[in-house]
């Protein structure tokens, strides 16, 4: 992978497609592109990583969200305990990350 820029990585797509403002990134990634084309394991890893680009990367609590399921919620969505000012350990609220659906 090309080096970090100002301590931060850039989206992996910049390594595979020339993008205005990131031309240097594309040049630095020549070896990565060659591995992507020649090594099936590298190709698979990069393809999986590309699926995470622009996806939600943090969680939060929204007071008006409700999850309603027919079966146990764990069968539908991932959950975690959200430590912070409202609690920690077993007292921490249980939260999930779901996209809201609009009624049609």
PDB file of N, CA and C in Angstrom:
ATOM      1  N   UNK A   1       0.851  -1.174   0.000  1.00  0.00           N
ATOM      2  CA  UNK A   1       0.000   0.000   0.000  1.00  0.00           C
ATOM      3  C   UNK A   1       0.896   1.235   0.000  1.00  0.00           C
ATOM      4  N   UNK A   2       0.461   2.267  -0.706  1.00  0.00           N
ATOM      5  CA  UNK A   2       1.216   3.525  -0.652  1.00  0.00           C
ATOM      6  C   UNK A   2       1.215   4.082   0.773  1.00  0.00           C
ATOM      7  N   UNK A   3       2.173   4.970   1.067  1.00  0.00           N
ATOM      8  CA  UNK A   3       2.281   5.495   2.430  1.00  0.00           C
ATOM      9  C   UNK A   3       1.082   6.375   2.807  1.00  0.00           C
ATOM     10  N   UNK A   4       0.930   6.573   4.120  1.00  0.00           N
ATOM     11  CA  UNK A   4      -0.115   7.444   4.630  1.00  0.00           C
ATOM     12  C   UNK A   4       0.155   8.886   4.187  1.00  0.00           C
ATOM     13  N   UNK A   5      -0.894   9.674   4.064  1.00  0.00           N
ATOM     14  CA  UNK A   5      -0.765  11.083   3.728  1.00  0.00           C
ATOM     15  C   UNK A   5      -1.163  11.875   4.957  1.00  0.00           C
ATOM     16  N   UNK A   6      -0.198  12.623   5.511  1.00  0.00           N
ATOM     17  CA  UNK A   6      -0.430  13.399   6.732  1.00  0.00           C
ATOM     18  C   UNK A   6      -1.007  12.511   7.834  1.00  0.00           C
ATOM     19  N   UNK A   7      -0.488  11.274   7.936  1.00  0.00           N
ATOM     20  CA  UNK A   7      -0.897  10.359   8.983  1.00  0.00           C
ATOM     21  C   UNK A   7      -2.209   9.639   8.734  1.00  0.00           C
ATOM     22  N   UNK A   8      -2.813   9.867   7.574  1.00  0.00           N
ATOM     23  CA  UNK A   8      -4.091   9.230   7.283  1.00  0.00           C
ATOM     24  C   UNK A   8      -4.021   8.479   5.955  1.00  0.00           C
ATOM     25  N   UNK A   9      -4.711   7.360   5.912  1.00  0.00           N
ATOM     26  CA  UNK A   9      -4.807   6.609   4.677  1.00  0.00           C
ATOM     27  C   UNK A   9      -5.895   7.243   3.809  1.00  0.00           C
ATOM     28  N   UNK A  10      -5.821   7.005   2.533  1.00  0.00           N
ATOM     29  CA  UNK A  10      -6.835   7.501   1.603  1.00  0.00           C
ATOM     30  C   UNK A  10      -7.663   6.327   1.112  1.00  0.00           C
ATOM     31  N   UNK A  11      -8.859   6.571   0.597  1.00  0.00           N
ATOM     32  CA  UNK A  11      -9.673   5.463   0.090  1.00  0.00           C
ATOM     33  C   UNK A  11      -8.908   4.640  -0.944  1.00  0.00           C
ATOM     34  N   UNK A  12      -9.061   3.330  -0.848  1.00  0.00           N
ATOM     35  CA  UNK A  12      -8.321   2.414  -1.721  1.00  0.00           C
ATOM     36  C   UNK A  12      -8.635   2.664  -3.196  1.00  0.00           C
ATOM     37  N   UNK A  13      -9.780   3.223  -3.506  1.00  0.00           N
ATOM     38  CA  UNK A  13     -10.128   3.528  -4.897  1.00  0.00           C
ATOM     39  C   UNK A  13      -9.152   4.475  -5.557  1.00  0.00           C
ATOM     40  N   UNK A  14      -8.510   5.343  -4.775  1.00  0.00           N
ATOM     41  CA  UNK A  14      -7.520   6.288  -5.321  1.00  0.00           C
ATOM     42  C   UNK A  14      -6.300   5.547  -5.867  1.00  0.00           C
ATOM     43  N   UNK A  15      -6.082   4.317  -5.404  1.00  0.00           N
ATOM     44  CA  UNK A  15      -4.949   3.521  -5.869  1.00  0.00           C
ATOM     45  C   UNK A  15      -5.212   2.894  -7.237  1.00  0.00           C
ATOM     46  N   UNK A  16      -6.472   2.811  -7.624  1.00  0.00           N
ATOM     47  CA  UNK A  16      -6.829   2.076  -8.834  1.00  0.00           C
ATOM     48  C   UNK A  16      -7.418   2.934  -9.948  1.00  0.00           C
ATOM     49  N   UNK A  17      -7.695   4.167  -9.643  1.00  0.00           N
ATOM     50  CA  UNK A  17      -8.314   5.039 -10.635  1.00  0.00           C
ATOM     51  C   UNK A  17      -7.716   6.436 -10.498  1.00  0.00           C
ATOM     52  N   UNK A  18      -7.146   6.983 -11.585  1.00  0.00           N
ATOM     53  CA  UNK A  18      -6.607   8.346 -11.483  1.00  0.00           C
ATOM     54  C   UNK A  18      -7.719   9.327 -11.085  1.00  0.00           C
ATOM     55  N   UNK A  19      -7.455  10.107 -10.052  1.00  0.00           N
ATOM     56  CA  UNK A  19      -8.443  11.044  -9.529  1.00  0.00           C
ATOM     57  C   UNK A  19      -7.790  12.416  -9.414  1.00  0.00           C
ATOM     58  N   UNK A  20      -8.440  13.472  -9.931  1.00  0.00           N
ATOM     59  CA  UNK A  20      -7.859  14.815  -9.812  1.00  0.00           C
ATOM     60  C   UNK A  20      -7.528  15.137  -8.354  1.00  0.00           C
ATOM     61  N   UNK A  21      -6.323  15.624  -8.149  1.00  0.00           N
ATOM     62  CA  UNK A  21      -5.864  15.954  -6.810  1.00  0.00           C
ATOM     63  C   UNK A  21      -5.131  14.809  -6.129  1.00  0.00           C
ATOM     64  N   UNK A  22      -5.246  13.597  -6.668  1.00  0.00           N
ATOM     65  CA  UNK A  22      -4.602  12.419  -6.070  1.00  0.00           C
ATOM     66  C   UNK A  22      -3.740  11.676  -7.104  1.00  0.00           C
ATOM     67  N   UNK A  23      -3.221  12.414  -8.085  1.00  0.00           N
ATOM     68  CA  UNK A  23      -2.431  11.776  -9.141  1.00  0.00           C
ATOM     69  C   UNK A  23      -1.211  11.052  -8.577  1.00  0.00           C
ATOM     70  N   UNK A  24      -0.567  11.635  -7.573  1.00  0.00           N
ATOM     71  CA  UNK A  24       0.599  11.000  -6.953  1.00  0.00           C
ATOM     72  C   UNK A  24       0.249   9.678  -6.306  1.00  0.00           C
ATOM     73  N   UNK A  25      -0.914   9.602  -5.732  1.00  0.00           N
ATOM     74  CA  UNK A  25      -1.375   8.367  -5.090  1.00  0.00           C
ATOM     75  C   UNK A  25      -1.464   7.238  -6.116  1.00  0.00           C
ATOM     76  N   UNK A  26      -1.988   7.550  -7.286  1.00  0.00           N
ATOM     77  CA  UNK A  26      -2.118   6.556  -8.342  1.00  0.00           C
ATOM     78  C   UNK A  26      -0.736   6.052  -8.771  1.00  0.00           C
ATOM     79  N   UNK A  27       0.217   6.954  -8.922  1.00  0.00           N
ATOM     80  CA  UNK A  27       1.577   6.569  -9.328  1.00  0.00           C
ATOM     81  C   UNK A  27       2.220   5.691  -8.252  1.00  0.00           C
ATOM     82  N   UNK A  28       2.069   6.072  -6.984  1.00  0.00           N
ATOM     83  CA  UNK A  28       2.663   5.300  -5.880  1.00  0.00           C
ATOM     84  C   UNK A  28       2.094   3.889  -5.778  1.00  0.00           C
ATOM     85  N   UNK A  29       0.904   3.666  -6.282  1.00  0.00           N
ATOM     86  CA  UNK A  29       0.231   2.378  -6.122  1.00  0.00           C
ATOM     87  C   UNK A  29       0.474   1.410  -7.281  1.00  0.00           C
ATOM     88  N   UNK A  30       1.423   1.687  -8.130  1.00  0.00           N
ATOM     89  CA  UNK A  30       1.678   0.815  -9.285  1.00  0.00           C
ATOM     90  C   UNK A  30       1.952  -0.628  -8.857  1.00  0.00           C
ATOM     91  N   UNK A  31       2.750  -0.812  -7.814  1.00  0.00           N
ATOM     92  CA  UNK A  31       3.073  -2.168  -7.351  1.00  0.00           C
ATOM     93  C   UNK A  31       1.813  -2.865  -6.815  1.00  0.00           C
ATOM     94  N   UNK A  32       0.983  -2.131  -6.103  1.00  0.00           N
ATOM     95  CA  UNK A  32      -0.261  -2.705  -5.578  1.00  0.00           C
ATOM     96  C   UNK A  32      -1.173  -3.137  -6.731  1.00  0.00           C
ATOM     97  N   UNK A  33      -1.283  -2.315  -7.768  1.00  0.00           N
ATOM     98  CA  UNK A  33      -2.112  -2.692  -8.930  1.00  0.00           C
ATOM     99  C   UNK A  33      -1.568  -3.930  -9.627  1.00  0.00           C
ATOM    100  N   UNK A  34      -0.249  -4.045  -9.712  1.00  0.00           N
ATOM    101  CA  UNK A  34       0.356  -5.228 -10.330  1.00  0.00           C
ATOM    102  C   UNK A  34       0.037  -6.478  -9.509  1.00  0.00           C
ATOM    103  N   UNK A  35       0.124  -6.387  -8.181  1.00  0.00           N
ATOM    104  CA  UNK A  35      -0.230  -7.524  -7.326  1.00  0.00           C
ATOM    105  C   UNK A  35      -1.703  -7.870  -7.453  1.00  0.00           C
ATOM    106  N   UNK A  36      -2.534  -6.862  -7.548  1.00  0.00           N
ATOM    107  CA  UNK A  36      -3.981  -7.065  -7.699  1.00  0.00           C
ATOM    108  C   UNK A  36      -4.264  -7.883  -8.957  1.00  0.00           C
ATOM    109  N   UNK A  37      -3.550  -7.581 -10.034  1.00  0.00           N
ATOM    110  CA  UNK A  37      -3.763  -8.293 -11.298  1.00  0.00           C
ATOM    111  C   UNK A  37      -3.169  -9.695 -11.303  1.00  0.00           C
ATOM    112  N   UNK A  38      -2.120  -9.932 -10.500  1.00  0.00           N
ATOM    113  CA  UNK A  38      -1.413 -11.212 -10.591  1.00  0.00           C
ATOM    114  C   UNK A  38      -1.684 -12.184  -9.441  1.00  0.00           C
ATOM    115  N   UNK A  39      -2.160 -11.708  -8.314  1.00  0.00           N
ATOM    116  CA  UNK A  39      -2.327 -12.560  -7.138  1.00  0.00           C
ATOM    117  C   UNK A  39      -3.802 -12.622  -6.731  1.00  0.00           C
ATOM    118  N   UNK A  40      -4.444 -13.790  -6.868  1.00  0.00           N
ATOM    119  CA  UNK A  40      -5.868 -13.901  -6.537  1.00  0.00           C
ATOM    120  C   UNK A  40      -6.199 -13.539  -5.084  1.00  0.00           C
ATOM    121  N   UNK A  41      -5.292 -13.821  -4.148  1.00  0.00           N
ATOM    122  CA  UNK A  41      -5.544 -13.477  -2.747  1.00  0.00           C
ATOM    123  C   UNK A  41      -5.548 -11.960  -2.551  1.00  0.00           C
ATOM    124  N   UNK A  42      -4.622 -11.279  -3.198  1.00  0.00           N
ATOM    125  CA  UNK A  42      -4.580  -9.815  -3.116  1.00  0.00           C
ATOM    126  C   UNK A  42      -5.831  -9.237  -3.760  1.00  0.00           C
ATOM    127  N   UNK A  43      -6.212  -9.772  -4.912  1.00  0.00           N
ATOM    128  CA  UNK A  43      -7.418  -9.290  -5.598  1.00  0.00           C
ATOM    129  C   UNK A  43      -8.642  -9.446  -4.702  1.00  0.00           C
ATOM    130  N   UNK A  44      -8.777 -10.601  -4.071  1.00  0.00           N
ATOM    131  CA  UNK A  44      -9.917 -10.835  -3.187  1.00  0.00           C
ATOM    132  C   UNK A  44      -9.911  -9.851  -2.012  1.00  0.00           C
ATOM    133  N   UNK A  45      -8.743  -9.667  -1.381  1.00  0.00           N
ATOM    134  CA  UNK A  45      -8.636  -8.758  -0.237  1.00  0.00           C
ATOM    135  C   UNK A  45      -8.993  -7.328  -0.621  1.00  0.00           C
ATOM    136  N   UNK A  46      -8.493  -6.877  -1.756  1.00  0.00           N
ATOM    137  CA  UNK A  46      -8.780  -5.508  -2.217  1.00  0.00           C
ATOM    138  C   UNK A  46     -10.256  -5.371  -2.572  1.00  0.00           C
ATOM    139  N   UNK A  47     -10.818  -6.366  -3.232  1.00  0.00           N
ATOM    140  CA  UNK A  47     -12.242  -6.311  -3.587  1.00  0.00           C
ATOM    141  C   UNK A  47     -13.118  -6.214  -2.337  1.00  0.00           C
ATOM    142  N   UNK A  48     -12.765  -6.967  -1.295  1.00  0.00           N
ATOM    143  CA  UNK A  48     -13.515  -6.887  -0.039  1.00  0.00           C
ATOM    144  C   UNK A  48     -13.346  -5.495   0.564  1.00  0.00           C
ATOM    145  N   UNK A  49     -12.118  -4.981   0.591  1.00  0.00           N
ATOM    146  CA  UNK A  49     -11.864  -3.647   1.145  1.00  0.00           C
ATOM    147  C   UNK A  49     -12.648  -2.578   0.393  1.00  0.00           C
ATOM    148  N   UNK A  50     -12.735  -2.713  -0.935  1.00  0.00           N
ATOM    149  CA  UNK A  50     -13.476  -1.730  -1.735  1.00  0.00           C
ATOM    150  C   UNK A  50     -14.951  -1.714  -1.348  1.00  0.00           C
ATOM    151  N   UNK A  51     -15.476  -2.826  -0.866  1.00  0.00           N
ATOM    152  CA  UNK A  51     -16.861  -2.890  -0.440  1.00  0.00           C
ATOM    153  C   UNK A  51     -17.131  -2.067   0.817  1.00  0.00           C
ATOM    154  N   UNK A  52     -16.077  -1.700   1.546  1.00  0.00           N
ATOM    155  CA  UNK A  52     -16.235  -0.916   2.763  1.00  0.00           C
ATOM    156  C   UNK A  52     -16.063   0.583   2.545  1.00  0.00           C
ATOM    157  N   UNK A  53     -15.615   0.971   1.354  1.00  0.00           N
ATOM    158  CA  UNK A  53     -15.400   2.387   1.070  1.00  0.00           C
ATOM    159  C   UNK A  53     -16.727   3.134   1.171  1.00  0.00           C
ATOM    160  N   UNK A  54     -16.708   4.257   1.822  1.00  0.00           N
ATOM    161  CA  UNK A  54     -17.876   5.129   2.007  1.00  0.00           C
ATOM    162  C   UNK A  54     -18.980   4.490   2.853  1.00  0.00           C
ATOM    163  N   UNK A  55     -18.659   3.514   3.645  1.00  0.00           N
ATOM    164  CA  UNK A  55     -19.637   2.904   4.544  1.00  0.00           C
ATOM    165  C   UNK A  55     -19.527   3.567   5.918  1.00  0.00           C
ATOM    166  N   UNK A  56     -20.552   3.411   6.704  1.00  0.00           N
ATOM    167  CA  UNK A  56     -20.603   3.968   8.060  1.00  0.00           C
ATOM    168  C   UNK A  56     -19.440   3.440   8.882  1.00  0.00           C
ATOM    169  N   UNK A  57     -18.762   4.336   9.600  1.00  0.00           N
ATOM    170  CA  UNK A  57     -17.599   3.940  10.372  1.00  0.00           C
ATOM    171  C   UNK A  57     -17.694   4.267  11.841  1.00  0.00           C
ATOM    172  N   UNK A  58     -18.772   4.816  12.296  1.00  0.00           N
ATOM    173  CA  UNK A  58     -18.928   5.083  13.715  1.00  0.00           C
ATOM    174  C   UNK A  58     -20.360   4.799  14.121  1.00  0.00           C
ATOM    175  N   UNK A  59     -20.565   4.739  15.388  1.00  0.00           N
ATOM    176  CA  UNK A  59     -21.917   4.489  15.871  1.00  0.00           C
ATOM    177  C   UNK A  59     -22.381   5.680  16.688  1.00  0.00           C
ATOM    178  N   UNK A  60     -23.630   5.704  16.977  1.00  0.00           N
ATOM    179  CA  UNK A  60     -24.195   6.761  17.788  1.00  0.00           C
ATOM    180  C   UNK A  60     -25.565   6.320  18.274  1.00  0.00           C
ATOM    181  N   UNK A  61     -26.138   7.112  19.136  1.00  0.00           N
ATOM    182  CA  UNK A  61     -27.451   6.785  19.668  1.00  0.00           C
ATOM    183  C   UNK A  61     -28.429   7.854  19.214  1.00  0.00           C
ATOM    184  N   UNK A  62     -29.516   7.422  18.640  1.00  0.00           N
ATOM    185  CA  UNK A  62     -30.569   8.316  18.180  1.00  0.00           C
ATOM    186  C   UNK A  62     -31.803   8.025  19.025  1.00  0.00           C
ATOM    187  N   UNK A  63     -32.300   9.021  19.679  1.00  0.00           N
ATOM    188  CA  UNK A  63     -33.367   8.823  20.657  1.00  0.00           C
ATOM    189  C   UNK A  63     -34.673   8.315  20.053  1.00  0.00           C
ATOM    190  N   UNK A  64     -34.892   8.499  18.766  1.00  0.00           N
ATOM    191  CA  UNK A  64     -36.183   8.137  18.186  1.00  0.00           C
ATOM    192  C   UNK A  64     -36.156   6.830  17.399  1.00  0.00           C
ATOM    193  N   UNK A  65     -35.064   6.100  17.427  1.00  0.00           N
ATOM    194  CA  UNK A  65     -34.963   4.877  16.641  1.00  0.00           C
ATOM    195  C   UNK A  65     -35.518   3.686  17.414  1.00  0.00           C
ATOM    196  N   UNK A  66     -36.254   2.843  16.708  1.00  0.00           N
ATOM    197  CA  UNK A  66     -36.813   1.627  17.288  1.00  0.00           C
ATOM    198  C   UNK A  66     -36.609   0.507  16.272  1.00  0.00           C
ATOM    199  N   UNK A  67     -36.159  -0.643  16.729  1.00  0.00           N
ATOM    200  CA  UNK A  67     -35.996  -1.806  15.861  1.00  0.00           C
ATOM    201  C   UNK A  67     -37.080  -2.801  16.236  1.00  0.00           C
ATOM    202  N   UNK A  68     -37.902  -3.165  15.267  1.00  0.00           N
ATOM    203  CA  UNK A  68     -38.987  -4.131  15.491  1.00  0.00           C
ATOM    204  C   UNK A  68     -38.724  -5.326  14.588  1.00  0.00           C
ATOM    205  N   UNK A  69     -38.642  -6.514  15.177  1.00  0.00           N
ATOM    206  CA  UNK A  69     -38.384  -7.730  14.407  1.00  0.00           C
ATOM    207  C   UNK A  69     -39.330  -8.841  14.847  1.00  0.00           C
ATOM    208  N   UNK A  70     -39.558  -9.766  13.942  1.00  0.00           N
ATOM    209  CA  UNK A  70     -40.419 -10.913  14.247  1.00  0.00           C
ATOM    210  C   UNK A  70     -39.680 -11.921  15.128  1.00  0.00           C
ATOM    211  N   UNK A  71     -38.420 -12.134  14.836  1.00  0.00           N
ATOM    212  CA  UNK A  71     -37.569 -13.070  15.573  1.00  0.00           C
ATOM    213  C   UNK A  71     -36.624 -12.264  16.464  1.00  0.00           C
ATOM    214  N   UNK A  72     -35.753 -12.928  17.242  1.00  0.00           N
ATOM    215  CA  UNK A  72     -34.794 -12.181  18.065  1.00  0.00           C
ATOM    216  C   UNK A  72     -33.982 -11.192  17.220  1.00  0.00           C
ATOM    217  N   UNK A  73     -33.775 -10.007  17.752  1.00  0.00           N
ATOM    218  CA  UNK A  73     -33.091  -8.950  17.018  1.00  0.00           C
ATOM    219  C   UNK A  73     -31.711  -9.392  16.513  1.00  0.00           C
ATOM    220  N   UNK A  74     -31.019 -10.224  17.293  1.00  0.00           N
ATOM    221  CA  UNK A  74     -29.687 -10.679  16.879  1.00  0.00           C
ATOM    222  C   UNK A  74     -29.716 -11.490  15.590  1.00  0.00           C
ATOM    223  N   UNK A  75     -30.877 -11.980  15.179  1.00  0.00           N
ATOM    224  CA  UNK A  75     -30.991 -12.695  13.909  1.00  0.00           C
ATOM    225  C   UNK A  75     -30.986 -11.735  12.720  1.00  0.00           C
ATOM    226  N   UNK A  76     -31.131 -10.434  12.983  1.00  0.00           N
ATOM    227  CA  UNK A  76     -31.262  -9.453  11.910  1.00  0.00           C
ATOM    228  C   UNK A  76     -30.152  -8.411  11.853  1.00  0.00           C
ATOM    229  N   UNK A  77     -29.700  -7.958  13.008  1.00  0.00           N
ATOM    230  CA  UNK A  77     -28.750  -6.845  13.034  1.00  0.00           C
ATOM    231  C   UNK A  77     -27.652  -7.082  14.068  1.00  0.00           C
ATOM    232  N   UNK A  78     -26.457  -6.519  13.834  1.00  0.00           N
ATOM    233  CA  UNK A  78     -25.411  -6.614  14.850  1.00  0.00           C
ATOM    234  C   UNK A  78     -25.706  -5.643  15.990  1.00  0.00           C
ATOM    235  N   UNK A  79     -25.320  -6.001  17.195  1.00  0.00           N
ATOM    236  CA  UNK A  79     -25.519  -5.124  18.350  1.00  0.00           C
ATOM    237  C   UNK A  79     -24.226  -5.031  19.144  1.00  0.00           C
ATOM    238  N   UNK A  80     -24.135  -3.977  19.952  1.00  0.00           N
ATOM    239  CA  UNK A  80     -22.997  -3.818  20.861  1.00  0.00           C
ATOM    240  C   UNK A  80     -23.443  -2.974  22.035  1.00  0.00           C
ATOM    241  N   UNK A  81     -22.673  -3.013  23.093  1.00  0.00           N
ATOM    242  CA  UNK A  81     -22.931  -2.129  24.224  1.00  0.00           C
ATOM    243  C   UNK A  81     -22.145  -0.844  23.989  1.00  0.00           C
ATOM    244  N   UNK A  82     -22.810   0.282  24.116  1.00  0.00           N
ATOM    245  CA  UNK A  82     -22.212   1.592  23.870  1.00  0.00           C
ATOM    246  C   UNK A  82     -21.790   2.209  25.193  1.00  0.00           C
ATOM    247  N   UNK A  83     -20.514   2.074  25.543  1.00  0.00           N
ATOM    248  CA  UNK A  83     -19.999   2.658  26.774  1.00  0.00           C
ATOM    249  C   UNK A  83     -19.910   4.166  26.635  1.00  0.00           C
ATOM    250  N   UNK A  84     -20.037   4.848  27.725  1.00  0.00           N
ATOM    251  CA  UNK A  84     -19.934   6.301  27.707  1.00  0.00           C
ATOM    252  C   UNK A  84     -20.608   6.890  28.912  1.00  0.00           C
ATOM    253  N   UNK A  85     -21.009   8.159  28.806  1.00  0.00           N
ATOM    254  CA  UNK A  85     -21.626   8.838  29.950  1.00  0.00           C
ATOM    255  C   UNK A  85     -22.891   8.148  30.450  1.00  0.00           C
ATOM    256  N   UNK A  86     -23.576   7.416  29.572  1.00  0.00           N
ATOM    257  CA  UNK A  86     -24.833   6.788  29.987  1.00  0.00           C
ATOM    258  C   UNK A  86     -24.637   5.404  30.598  1.00  0.00           C
ATOM    259  N   UNK A  87     -23.401   4.955  30.739  1.00  0.00           N
ATOM    260  CA  UNK A  87     -23.172   3.659  31.371  1.00  0.00           C
ATOM    261  C   UNK A  87     -21.956   2.952  30.822  1.00  0.00           C
ATOM    262  N   UNK A  88     -21.553   1.878  31.507  1.00  0.00           N
ATOM    263  CA  UNK A  88     -20.448   1.055  31.029  1.00  0.00           C
ATOM    264  C   UNK A  88     -20.694  -0.378  31.467  1.00  0.00           C
ATOM    265  N   UNK A  89     -20.018  -1.300  30.818  1.00  0.00           N
ATOM    266  CA  UNK A  89     -20.208  -2.715  31.142  1.00  0.00           C
ATOM    267  C   UNK A  89     -21.638  -3.146  30.924  1.00  0.00           C
ATOM    268  N   UNK A  90     -22.190  -3.869  31.886  1.00  0.00           N
ATOM    269  CA  UNK A  90     -23.564  -4.371  31.784  1.00  0.00           C
ATOM    270  C   UNK A  90     -24.602  -3.251  31.815  1.00  0.00           C
ATOM    271  N   UNK A  91     -24.218  -2.058  32.300  1.00  0.00           N
ATOM    272  CA  UNK A  91     -25.148  -0.933  32.365  1.00  0.00           C
ATOM    273  C   UNK A  91     -25.192  -0.123  31.061  1.00  0.00           C
ATOM    274  N   UNK A  92     -24.243  -0.367  30.173  1.00  0.00           N
ATOM    275  CA  UNK A  92     -24.188   0.405  28.932  1.00  0.00           C
ATOM    276  C   UNK A  92     -25.379   0.045  28.046  1.00  0.00           C
ATOM    277  N   UNK A  93     -25.933   1.041  27.361  1.00  0.00           N
ATOM    278  CA  UNK A  93     -27.068   0.747  26.485  1.00  0.00           C
ATOM    279  C   UNK A  93     -26.663  -0.160  25.321  1.00  0.00           C
ATOM    280  N   UNK A  94     -27.589  -0.977  24.866  1.00  0.00           N
ATOM    281  CA  UNK A  94     -27.367  -1.831  23.701  1.00  0.00           C
ATOM    282  C   UNK A  94     -27.769  -1.037  22.468  1.00  0.00           C
ATOM    283  N   UNK A  95     -26.869  -0.954  21.505  1.00  0.00           N
ATOM    284  CA  UNK A  95     -27.133  -0.185  20.290  1.00  0.00           C
ATOM    285  C   UNK A  95     -26.890  -1.056  19.061  1.00  0.00           C
ATOM    286  N   UNK A  96     -27.412  -0.619  17.945  1.00  0.00           N
ATOM    287  CA  UNK A  96     -27.212  -1.310  16.681  1.00  0.00           C
ATOM    288  C   UNK A  96     -27.040  -0.276  15.586  1.00  0.00           C
ATOM    289  N   UNK A  97     -26.612  -0.708  14.447  1.00  0.00           N
ATOM    290  CA  UNK A  97     -26.442   0.168  13.298  1.00  0.00           C
ATOM    291  C   UNK A  97     -27.317  -0.352  12.179  1.00  0.00           C
ATOM    292  N   UNK A  98     -28.426   0.301  11.945  1.00  0.00           N
ATOM    293  CA  UNK A  98     -29.318  -0.080  10.855  1.00  0.00           C
ATOM    294  C   UNK A  98     -29.685   1.153  10.064  1.00  0.00           C
ATOM    295  N   UNK A  99     -29.964   0.963   8.809  1.00  0.00           N
ATOM    296  CA  UNK A  99     -30.442   2.074   7.982  1.00  0.00           C
ATOM    297  C   UNK A  99     -31.952   2.076   8.056  1.00  0.00           C
ATOM    298  N   UNK A 100     -32.499   3.247   8.182  1.00  0.00           N
ATOM    299  CA  UNK A 100     -33.952   3.302   8.280  1.00  0.00           C
ATOM    300  C   UNK A 100     -34.581   3.056   6.916  1.00  0.00           C
ATOM    301  N   UNK A 101     -35.684   2.390   6.928  1.00  0.00           N
ATOM    302  CA  UNK A 101     -36.445   2.126   5.707  1.00  0.00           C
ATOM    303  C   UNK A 101     -37.604   3.089   5.664  1.00  0.00           C
ATOM    304  N   UNK A 102     -37.902   3.527   4.499  1.00  0.00           N
ATOM    305  CA  UNK A 102     -39.039   4.406   4.334  1.00  0.00           C
ATOM    306  C   UNK A 102     -40.253   3.578   3.912  1.00  0.00           C
ATOM    307  N   UNK A 103     -41.383   3.901   4.472  1.00  0.00           N
ATOM    308  CA  UNK A 103     -42.619   3.214   4.083  1.00  0.00           C
ATOM    309  C   UNK A 103     -43.003   3.648   2.684  1.00  0.00           C
ATOM    310  N   UNK A 104     -43.484   2.717   1.898  1.00  0.00           N
ATOM    311  CA  UNK A 104     -43.901   3.039   0.518  1.00  0.00           C
ATOM    312  C   UNK A 104     -45.392   3.000   0.397  1.00  0.00           C
TER     313      UNK A 104
END
